[in-house]
Protein backbone atom coordinates (compact mmCIF):
# COMPACT_ATOMS: atom_id res chain seq x y z
CA MET A 1 6.29 43.50 -25.02
CA VAL A 2 9.60 42.46 -23.45
CA GLN A 3 9.45 40.20 -20.40
CA SER A 4 12.06 40.77 -17.68
CA SER A 5 13.89 38.35 -15.44
CA PRO A 6 15.37 39.18 -12.02
CA ALA A 7 18.44 37.22 -13.15
CA GLY A 8 19.60 39.90 -15.55
CA PRO A 9 18.65 42.06 -18.55
CA PRO A 10 15.31 41.60 -20.33
CA LEU A 11 14.78 38.22 -21.93
CA PRO A 12 13.53 38.08 -25.55
CA VAL A 13 9.88 37.37 -26.27
CA ALA A 14 9.51 33.87 -27.66
CA THR A 15 7.79 33.21 -30.96
CA GLY A 16 7.90 29.46 -30.30
CA ILE A 17 8.37 27.87 -26.87
CA ASP A 18 8.23 30.56 -24.20
CA VAL A 19 10.53 29.25 -21.45
CA ARG A 20 11.75 31.20 -18.45
CA PRO A 21 14.07 30.55 -15.49
CA PHE A 22 12.42 29.97 -12.12
CA ARG A 23 13.26 29.87 -8.42
CA ALA A 24 13.34 26.15 -7.67
CA LEU A 25 12.24 24.34 -4.54
CA THR A 26 14.60 21.48 -3.70
CA TYR A 27 15.39 19.18 -0.79
CA ARG A 28 17.82 20.81 1.61
CA GLU A 29 19.73 17.54 1.99
CA GLN A 30 21.11 16.74 -1.45
CA ASP A 31 23.49 13.81 -1.13
CA PRO A 32 22.69 11.02 -3.65
CA GLY A 33 21.56 8.53 -1.00
CA HIS A 34 19.01 10.93 0.45
CA LEU A 35 17.73 11.95 -2.98
CA ALA A 36 17.26 8.28 -3.85
CA ARG A 37 15.09 7.83 -0.74
CA VAL A 38 12.92 10.92 -1.23
CA SER A 39 12.46 10.89 -5.02
CA SER A 40 10.06 8.82 -7.08
CA PRO A 41 9.07 7.79 -10.59
CA ALA A 42 6.38 9.93 -12.24
CA TYR A 43 3.01 9.62 -10.49
CA ASP A 44 1.35 7.63 -13.27
CA LEU A 45 4.07 4.95 -13.14
CA VAL A 46 3.73 4.32 -9.40
CA THR A 47 1.88 1.09 -8.58
CA PRO A 48 0.00 0.59 -5.30
CA ASP A 49 2.83 -1.57 -3.94
CA GLY A 50 5.35 0.95 -5.22
CA ALA A 51 3.60 3.82 -3.46
CA GLU A 52 3.76 1.96 -0.17
CA ARG A 53 7.46 1.19 -0.61
CA LEU A 54 8.26 4.79 -1.48
CA ALA A 55 6.32 6.18 1.46
CA ALA A 56 8.07 3.73 3.79
CA ALA A 57 11.52 4.63 2.42
CA ASP A 58 11.46 8.12 3.96
CA PRO A 59 8.85 10.25 5.78
CA HIS A 60 9.53 13.01 3.25
CA ASN A 61 9.30 10.97 0.06
CA ILE A 62 7.74 13.03 -2.74
CA VAL A 63 5.05 10.37 -3.29
CA ARG A 64 3.28 11.86 -0.25
CA LEU A 65 2.74 14.99 -2.36
CA ILE A 66 2.15 13.62 -5.87
CA LEU A 67 -0.16 10.81 -4.65
CA PRO A 68 -1.38 12.03 -1.27
CA GLY A 69 -4.30 9.61 -1.32
CA GLY A 70 -2.27 6.66 -2.57
CA THR A 71 -2.66 5.60 -6.18
CA SER A 72 -6.35 6.55 -6.03
CA GLY A 73 -5.38 10.17 -5.34
CA PRO A 74 -5.58 13.13 -7.74
CA GLY A 75 -4.92 12.34 -11.34
CA THR A 76 -6.01 8.70 -11.34
CA ALA A 77 -9.19 7.09 -12.63
CA GLY A 78 -10.38 6.58 -9.08
CA ALA A 79 -10.05 10.21 -8.05
CA GLY A 80 -13.78 10.33 -7.38
CA GLY A 81 -14.48 13.67 -9.02
CA PRO A 82 -13.81 17.26 -7.98
CA VAL A 83 -14.79 16.97 -4.30
CA ALA A 84 -12.58 13.97 -3.59
CA ALA A 85 -9.77 15.44 -5.65
CA GLY A 86 -9.97 18.69 -3.71
CA ASP A 87 -9.90 16.96 -0.35
CA VAL A 88 -6.86 14.91 -1.24
CA ALA A 89 -5.12 17.89 -2.80
CA ALA A 90 -5.63 19.89 0.40
CA ARG A 91 -3.81 17.16 2.28
CA ALA A 92 -0.85 17.45 -0.12
CA ALA A 93 -0.82 21.25 0.27
CA ALA A 94 -0.71 20.98 4.07
CA THR A 95 2.16 18.49 3.86
CA LEU A 96 4.06 20.74 1.47
CA ARG A 97 3.66 23.73 3.81
CA ASP A 98 4.92 21.64 6.73
CA TRP A 99 8.00 20.56 4.80
CA GLU A 100 8.81 24.13 3.79
CA ARG A 101 8.28 25.41 7.34
CA ASP A 102 10.55 22.68 8.75
CA GLY A 103 13.29 23.33 6.18
CA VAL A 104 12.94 19.95 4.46
CA LEU A 105 12.45 21.85 1.19
CA VAL A 106 14.24 25.15 0.49
CA ARG A 107 13.65 27.85 -2.14
CA ASP A 108 16.40 29.15 -4.43
CA GLY A 109 17.29 32.81 -4.06
CA GLU A 110 17.40 33.58 -7.79
CA PRO A 111 15.86 32.19 -10.98
CA ALA A 112 17.71 29.57 -12.99
CA LEU A 113 17.29 26.94 -15.66
CA TRP A 114 18.50 23.42 -14.93
CA ARG A 115 20.48 21.30 -17.37
CA TYR A 116 19.17 17.74 -16.88
CA GLU A 117 21.03 14.68 -18.13
CA MET A 118 19.72 11.12 -17.86
CA ARG A 119 22.62 8.75 -18.29
CA PRO A 120 21.83 5.01 -18.62
CA ALA A 121 24.33 2.36 -17.59
CA THR A 122 24.76 1.61 -21.30
CA GLY A 123 23.69 3.58 -24.32
CA THR A 124 23.32 7.24 -25.22
CA PRO A 125 22.46 9.85 -22.57
CA THR A 126 19.36 12.02 -22.90
CA VAL A 127 19.85 15.68 -22.08
CA GLY A 128 17.54 18.66 -21.78
CA TRP A 129 16.58 21.73 -19.76
CA LEU A 130 14.12 22.28 -16.92
CA GLY A 131 12.28 25.56 -17.27
CA ALA A 132 8.95 27.30 -16.74
CA VAL A 133 7.05 27.03 -20.03
CA ALA A 134 4.08 29.26 -20.85
CA VAL A 135 0.67 27.68 -21.37
CA SER A 136 -2.44 29.33 -22.79
CA ALA A 137 -6.00 28.53 -21.85
CA ALA A 138 -7.03 28.14 -25.47
CA GLY A 139 -3.93 26.27 -26.58
CA GLY A 140 -1.43 27.30 -29.24
CA ARG A 141 0.98 25.95 -31.80
CA ALA A 142 4.21 26.26 -29.80
CA VAL A 143 3.46 23.23 -27.59
CA LEU A 144 1.35 20.50 -29.19
CA PRO A 145 -0.34 17.53 -27.49
CA HIS A 146 -0.61 14.17 -29.23
CA GLU A 147 -2.74 12.08 -26.84
CA ASP A 148 -6.28 12.22 -25.49
CA THR A 149 -6.91 12.93 -21.81
CA PHE A 150 -9.65 12.04 -19.32
CA PRO A 151 -11.53 14.84 -17.54
CA ALA A 152 -11.42 13.18 -14.09
CA ALA A 153 -7.65 12.77 -14.28
CA VAL A 154 -7.19 16.36 -15.46
CA GLU A 155 -9.38 17.62 -12.61
CA GLY A 156 -7.33 15.67 -10.09
CA ARG A 157 -4.10 17.23 -11.28
CA ARG A 158 -5.74 20.69 -11.50
CA ALA A 159 -6.92 20.41 -7.90
CA LEU A 160 -3.41 19.46 -6.83
CA LEU A 161 -1.92 22.42 -8.73
CA ALA A 162 -4.45 24.85 -7.28
CA ALA A 163 -4.01 23.62 -3.69
CA THR A 164 -0.20 23.42 -3.64
CA ALA A 165 0.52 26.33 -6.04
CA THR A 166 3.53 24.24 -7.06
CA ASP A 167 4.55 22.11 -10.03
CA LEU A 168 5.55 18.93 -8.20
CA GLU A 169 6.99 17.18 -11.26
CA PRO A 170 7.86 18.24 -14.81
CA ILE A 171 6.06 17.44 -17.99
CA VAL A 172 8.40 16.46 -20.86
CA LEU A 173 8.56 18.23 -24.21
CA ALA A 174 10.41 17.15 -27.35
CA HIS A 175 11.47 20.30 -29.20
CA ASP A 176 12.71 20.93 -32.71
CA PRO A 177 16.49 20.63 -33.09
CA GLU A 178 18.29 23.97 -32.65
CA PRO A 179 22.08 24.21 -33.03
CA ARG A 180 22.49 26.98 -30.47
CA VAL A 181 20.57 25.01 -27.83
CA ALA A 182 22.84 22.03 -28.49
CA ALA A 183 25.98 24.17 -28.18
CA LEU A 184 24.89 25.77 -24.90
CA THR A 185 23.89 22.39 -23.52
CA ALA A 186 27.31 20.96 -24.30
CA ALA A 187 29.10 23.96 -22.79
CA VAL A 188 27.51 23.47 -19.36
CA ALA A 189 28.48 19.80 -19.05
CA GLY A 190 32.05 20.39 -17.83
CA ALA A 191 31.34 21.30 -14.20
CA ALA A 192 30.27 18.90 -11.46
CA PRO A 193 26.47 18.53 -11.25
CA ASP A 194 24.53 20.19 -8.43
CA LEU A 195 22.24 17.17 -8.02
CA HIS A 196 22.97 13.52 -8.73
CA VAL A 197 20.96 10.36 -8.09
CA VAL A 198 20.74 6.88 -9.64
CA ASP A 199 17.27 5.36 -9.97
CA ASP A 200 16.20 1.73 -9.62
CA ASP A 201 16.75 1.11 -13.33
CA GLY A 202 20.37 2.21 -13.12
CA VAL A 203 19.79 5.55 -14.87
CA ALA A 204 21.91 8.36 -13.43
CA HIS A 205 20.07 11.70 -13.15
CA LEU A 206 22.48 14.67 -13.15
CA LEU A 207 21.35 18.29 -12.85
CA TRP A 208 23.28 21.55 -13.22
CA ARG A 209 21.77 24.81 -11.96
CA VAL A 210 22.46 27.61 -14.49
CA ALA A 211 21.79 31.22 -13.46
CA ASP A 212 24.27 33.13 -15.66
CA PRO A 213 22.17 35.93 -17.25
CA ASP A 214 23.99 35.76 -20.60
CA VAL A 215 23.49 32.00 -20.88
CA LEU A 216 19.84 32.29 -19.85
CA ARG A 217 19.18 35.00 -22.43
CA GLU A 218 20.80 33.01 -25.21
CA LEU A 219 19.15 29.75 -24.23
CA THR A 220 15.63 31.14 -23.87
CA GLY A 221 16.03 32.95 -27.16
CA ALA A 222 17.18 29.79 -28.94
CA LEU A 223 14.36 27.69 -27.48
CA GLY A 224 11.97 30.47 -28.50
CA ARG A 225 12.81 29.65 -32.11
CA THR A 226 11.52 26.07 -31.72
CA GLY A 227 8.21 24.29 -31.30
CA ALA A 228 7.59 21.16 -29.24
CA VAL A 229 5.40 18.09 -28.84
CA ILE A 230 4.30 16.93 -25.41
CA ALA A 231 6.16 13.67 -24.82
CA ASP A 232 4.89 13.05 -21.29
CA GLY A 233 2.43 14.85 -19.05
CA HIS A 234 -0.69 15.49 -21.14
CA HIS A 235 -2.93 15.50 -18.06
CA ARG A 236 -0.62 17.85 -16.17
CA PHE A 237 -0.41 20.22 -19.15
CA ALA A 238 -4.21 20.19 -19.51
CA ALA A 239 -4.47 20.80 -15.75
CA ALA A 240 -2.22 23.87 -16.07
CA GLN A 241 -4.41 25.13 -18.91
CA ALA A 242 -7.53 24.56 -16.80
CA LEU A 243 -5.97 26.43 -13.89
CA HIS A 244 -5.15 29.30 -16.25
CA ARG A 245 -8.79 29.42 -17.40
CA THR A 246 -10.07 29.70 -13.84
CA HIS A 247 -7.30 32.09 -12.71
CA PRO A 248 -6.29 34.00 -15.87
CA ASP A 249 -4.27 36.55 -13.88
CA GLY A 250 -2.31 33.89 -12.01
CA ASP A 251 0.72 31.79 -12.89
CA CYS A 252 0.43 30.70 -16.53
CA ARG A 253 3.44 28.40 -16.75
CA VAL A 254 4.25 24.76 -16.17
CA LEU A 255 7.50 23.06 -15.18
CA ALA A 256 8.83 21.22 -18.22
CA LEU A 257 11.88 19.23 -19.24
CA LEU A 258 12.71 20.29 -22.80
CA THR A 259 14.61 17.66 -24.76
CA PRO A 260 15.58 17.72 -28.45
CA MET A 261 13.97 15.52 -31.07
CA GLY A 262 16.58 13.20 -32.52
CA THR A 263 20.12 12.92 -31.19
CA GLY A 264 20.33 13.42 -27.44
CA GLY A 265 16.57 13.19 -27.05
CA LEU A 266 14.02 10.64 -25.95
CA ARG A 267 13.09 7.33 -27.49
CA VAL A 268 9.58 5.88 -27.73
CA GLU A 269 8.51 2.53 -26.33
CA SER A 270 5.16 0.77 -26.54
CA ILE A 271 2.27 1.00 -24.13
CA HIS A 272 0.28 -2.21 -24.42
CA ARG A 273 -3.43 -2.89 -23.86
CA VAL A 274 -5.02 -5.45 -21.53
CA VAL A 275 -8.68 -6.44 -21.82
CA PRO A 276 -9.94 -8.02 -18.56
CA ASP A 277 -12.37 -10.94 -18.44
CA LEU A 278 -11.81 -12.07 -22.01
CA GLY A 279 -10.53 -15.57 -22.69
CA LEU A 280 -8.06 -16.20 -25.49
CA ARG A 281 -10.42 -18.48 -27.42
CA GLU A 282 -13.25 -15.95 -27.28
CA ALA A 283 -10.83 -13.19 -28.25
CA ALA A 284 -9.51 -15.22 -31.19
CA ASP A 285 -12.99 -16.12 -32.47
CA ALA A 286 -14.10 -12.49 -32.40
CA ALA A 287 -10.86 -11.24 -33.93
CA ALA A 288 -11.19 -13.73 -36.79
CA ARG A 289 -14.22 -11.79 -38.06
CA GLY A 290 -11.86 -9.00 -39.10
CA PHE A 291 -8.27 -10.30 -39.08
CA ALA A 292 -6.25 -13.32 -40.14
CA VAL A 293 -5.43 -15.07 -36.86
CA ALA A 294 -2.48 -17.46 -36.54
CA GLU A 295 -1.00 -19.08 -33.46
CA VAL A 296 2.70 -18.39 -32.92
CA PRO A 297 4.79 -21.25 -31.50
CA VAL A 298 6.74 -20.15 -28.44
CA PRO A 299 10.16 -21.81 -28.14
CA GLY A 300 10.59 -22.84 -24.55
CA GLY A 301 6.87 -23.00 -23.74
CA PRO A 302 4.56 -20.58 -21.91
CA GLY A 303 7.26 -19.35 -19.55
CA ALA A 304 9.19 -17.94 -22.50
CA VAL A 305 6.37 -15.81 -23.97
CA SER A 306 7.83 -12.52 -22.74
CA ALA A 307 11.28 -13.12 -24.18
CA HIS A 308 9.85 -14.36 -27.48
CA VAL A 309 7.60 -11.33 -27.81
CA ALA A 310 10.59 -9.04 -27.28
CA SER A 311 12.27 -10.62 -30.29
CA LEU A 312 9.16 -10.24 -32.48
CA LEU A 313 7.93 -6.73 -31.72
CA PRO A 314 10.61 -4.60 -33.46
CA ASP A 315 9.70 -5.94 -36.93
CA LEU A 316 6.08 -6.84 -36.23
CA ASP A 317 3.37 -6.48 -38.84
CA GLY A 318 0.00 -6.42 -37.10
CA PHE A 319 -0.68 -7.22 -33.43
CA LEU A 320 0.18 -9.92 -30.94
CA VAL A 321 -2.53 -11.16 -28.56
CA THR A 322 -1.76 -13.38 -25.58
CA ASP A 323 -3.17 -14.64 -22.32
CA GLY A 324 0.37 -15.11 -21.02
CA GLU A 325 0.57 -18.74 -22.12
CA ARG A 326 -0.36 -18.85 -25.82
CA LEU A 327 0.45 -16.27 -28.46
CA LEU A 328 -1.62 -15.19 -31.48
CA HIS A 329 -0.59 -13.02 -34.44
CA LEU A 330 -3.28 -10.85 -36.05
CA THR A 331 -2.67 -9.50 -39.57
CA GLY A 332 -4.60 -8.44 -42.67
CA PRO A 333 -7.39 -6.28 -41.23
CA SER A 334 -10.55 -6.45 -43.33
CA ALA A 335 -12.09 -3.49 -45.10
CA GLU A 336 -14.80 -3.43 -42.43
CA VAL A 337 -12.21 -3.18 -39.67
CA ARG A 338 -10.29 -0.45 -41.48
CA ALA A 339 -13.56 1.44 -41.91
CA THR A 340 -13.77 1.83 -38.12
CA VAL A 341 -10.93 4.34 -38.40
CA PRO A 342 -12.49 7.72 -39.32
CA ALA A 343 -11.68 8.51 -42.94
CA GLU A 344 -11.65 12.25 -42.24
CA ALA A 345 -8.79 11.88 -39.74
CA PRO A 346 -5.28 12.92 -40.85
CA PRO A 347 -3.29 10.19 -42.62
CA ALA A 348 -0.60 10.28 -39.91
CA TRP A 349 -3.28 9.30 -37.36
CA ARG A 350 -5.07 6.69 -39.46
CA GLY A 351 -1.86 4.74 -40.02
CA LEU A 352 -1.03 4.17 -36.34
CA ASP A 353 -1.14 0.60 -34.98
CA VAL A 354 -2.62 1.80 -31.69
CA VAL A 355 -5.52 3.47 -33.51
CA LEU A 356 -6.49 0.35 -35.46
CA ALA A 357 -6.07 -1.81 -32.35
CA THR A 358 -8.25 0.51 -30.28
CA THR A 359 -11.01 1.18 -32.81
CA GLY A 360 -11.01 -1.96 -34.93
CA LEU A 361 -9.98 -4.80 -32.64
CA VAL A 362 -10.86 -3.72 -29.09
CA GLY A 363 -13.81 -1.53 -30.00
CA ALA A 364 -15.51 -3.06 -33.03
CA LEU A 365 -14.71 -6.77 -32.62
CA TRP A 366 -14.41 -7.14 -28.84
CA GLY A 367 -17.00 -4.53 -27.95
CA ARG A 368 -14.90 -2.77 -25.31
CA SER A 369 -14.52 0.95 -24.79
CA ASP A 370 -11.27 2.82 -24.21
CA GLU A 371 -12.33 3.80 -20.68
CA PRO A 372 -9.87 2.88 -17.89
CA GLY A 373 -12.24 0.37 -16.28
CA SER A 374 -12.73 -1.50 -19.54
CA LEU A 375 -9.26 -1.31 -21.07
CA LEU A 376 -6.08 -1.34 -18.98
CA VAL A 377 -2.65 -0.18 -20.07
CA ALA A 378 0.74 -1.75 -19.37
CA HIS A 379 4.13 -0.10 -19.78
CA SER A 380 6.05 -3.31 -20.51
CA VAL A 381 5.45 -6.79 -21.89
CA PRO A 382 5.97 -8.48 -18.47
CA GLU A 383 3.47 -6.09 -16.90
CA ALA A 384 0.96 -6.80 -19.69
CA LEU A 385 1.32 -10.56 -19.21
CA ARG A 386 0.96 -10.23 -15.45
CA LEU A 387 -2.17 -8.09 -15.77
CA ALA A 388 -3.72 -10.44 -18.35
CA GLY A 389 -3.22 -13.39 -16.02
CA ALA A 390 -4.43 -11.57 -12.91
CA ARG A 391 -7.56 -10.21 -14.65
CA SER A 392 -8.46 -13.36 -16.64
CA GLY A 393 -7.97 -11.43 -19.85
CA VAL A 394 -5.77 -10.95 -22.87
CA ALA A 395 -3.00 -8.51 -23.72
CA VAL A 396 -2.68 -6.72 -27.06
CA LEU A 397 1.02 -6.13 -27.66
CA LEU A 398 1.97 -3.29 -29.99
CA ARG A 399 5.00 -1.88 -31.75
CA PRO A 400 5.98 1.58 -30.59
CA PRO A 401 5.35 4.50 -32.94
CA SER A 402 8.38 6.46 -34.03
CA PRO A 403 9.05 9.98 -32.69
CA ALA A 404 8.39 11.21 -36.23
CA ASP A 405 4.97 9.51 -36.19
CA VAL A 406 4.10 11.21 -32.92
CA ALA A 407 5.21 14.62 -34.17
CA ALA A 408 3.24 14.19 -37.41
CA VAL A 409 0.06 13.40 -35.49
CA ALA A 410 0.51 16.41 -33.21
CA ARG A 411 1.21 18.79 -36.08
CA ALA A 412 -1.84 17.51 -37.94
CA GLY A 413 -3.94 18.58 -34.96
CA ALA A 414 -4.95 15.00 -34.10
CA ARG A 415 -4.79 13.05 -30.84
CA MET A 416 -3.69 9.46 -30.34
CA PRO A 417 -5.74 7.27 -27.98
CA ARG A 418 -4.85 7.83 -24.33
CA LYS A 419 -1.61 6.26 -23.13
CA SER A 420 -0.33 5.46 -26.62
CA THR A 421 3.32 6.35 -26.13
CA LEU A 422 5.97 5.79 -23.51
CA PHE A 423 8.82 8.24 -23.97
CA VAL A 424 11.92 7.14 -22.08
CA PRO A 425 13.92 7.76 -20.04
CA LYS A 426 11.73 9.74 -17.64
CA PRO A 427 12.90 12.46 -15.28
CA ARG A 428 12.95 11.63 -11.58
CA THR A 429 10.18 13.26 -9.58
CA GLY A 430 11.17 15.26 -6.50
CA LEU A 431 14.57 16.57 -7.57
CA VAL A 432 13.34 20.02 -8.63
CA LEU A 433 9.92 21.56 -7.86
CA ARG A 434 8.58 24.89 -9.13
CA PRO A 435 6.51 27.10 -6.82
CA HIS A 436 4.11 29.25 -8.82
CA GLY A 437 4.83 32.89 -9.32
CA GLY A 438 8.62 32.56 -9.26
């Protein structure tokens, strides 16, 4: 069966990623200053203080849609189940309708794909394409997850999708390299971008709207020859699948940023673990039953822990554990600790640091589960140290897996523990939305 696009002749059926152009919903006012005020980081990176600052920055900041109940809104551990998620999602849907009625957000007249470049102040840019990617209720091999999800968080995002009938922010996919995709991506870069904003980290986000039927046909065909791993947005992808199961005749796509693996793609950083209400001495004594534990001197004293950790992590063997003042190095897991990792799991999964830390150290030796109330996550070393201090606990600091490790786990059909990877840079939320059915 050939699928048609209003933008031109029939588009080819994909055998890999099935991506299609869409009619975007964007802010009517598009100067960089306004976009900086109304856009946001991804919902799961917004702290309570950050949500308040974003909401105060502009009455139409996108955080009022992605987290309509604050950081305890849909998609968080505190969503409170389906009823609470539905109530909060209805609030977001009403706000979205108001903004469309008042002309704050406007709909494109024709479908397009969007070239998206994230350009740091220093270093190599990351470039990809925003498109509407097909999902299936039962899953498939074209788009592979690599992390576990939590049902309450999925239900929160599903409720938000169902109520708003809009993808409010993209998931991120890392696709197989494809020379024709790379050539088309480079060819579009010459013109001035349609959207441009610089985020708080100094990353410039530049977007080009591409509606040329010939380019769209070539690009969708080339992407259809590739497969992808979900880099960011497992809960949102699972929510789209859940929505498809309950409404099989409805919109069966999700807004995604497709970036290449390797050159021009994303890089992976660590997500660390924080165990509340666990003193360093108690943690060390328990860890010593399964690891060799050695204290690491910190040049400059406790205040220099963060900087010292940054110098150690790239070549680290084992794990670092700290309460923010002292630093321990755990190596040489015992046979008993290694046995906590299921032997039947794929080798790519068994060899991950985050798996051994979660099952062997946190689970077996410290007796903590991987549930959000028992084990916190931190997206940077400073955040991990701050959380450990605030919660009278310890932080487990991990090396990041490589993109190849992540892809190997996904292709083996395995799942990493929740929040195992931080793919960066991340797209800015609020620049391009995708109403369903378009």
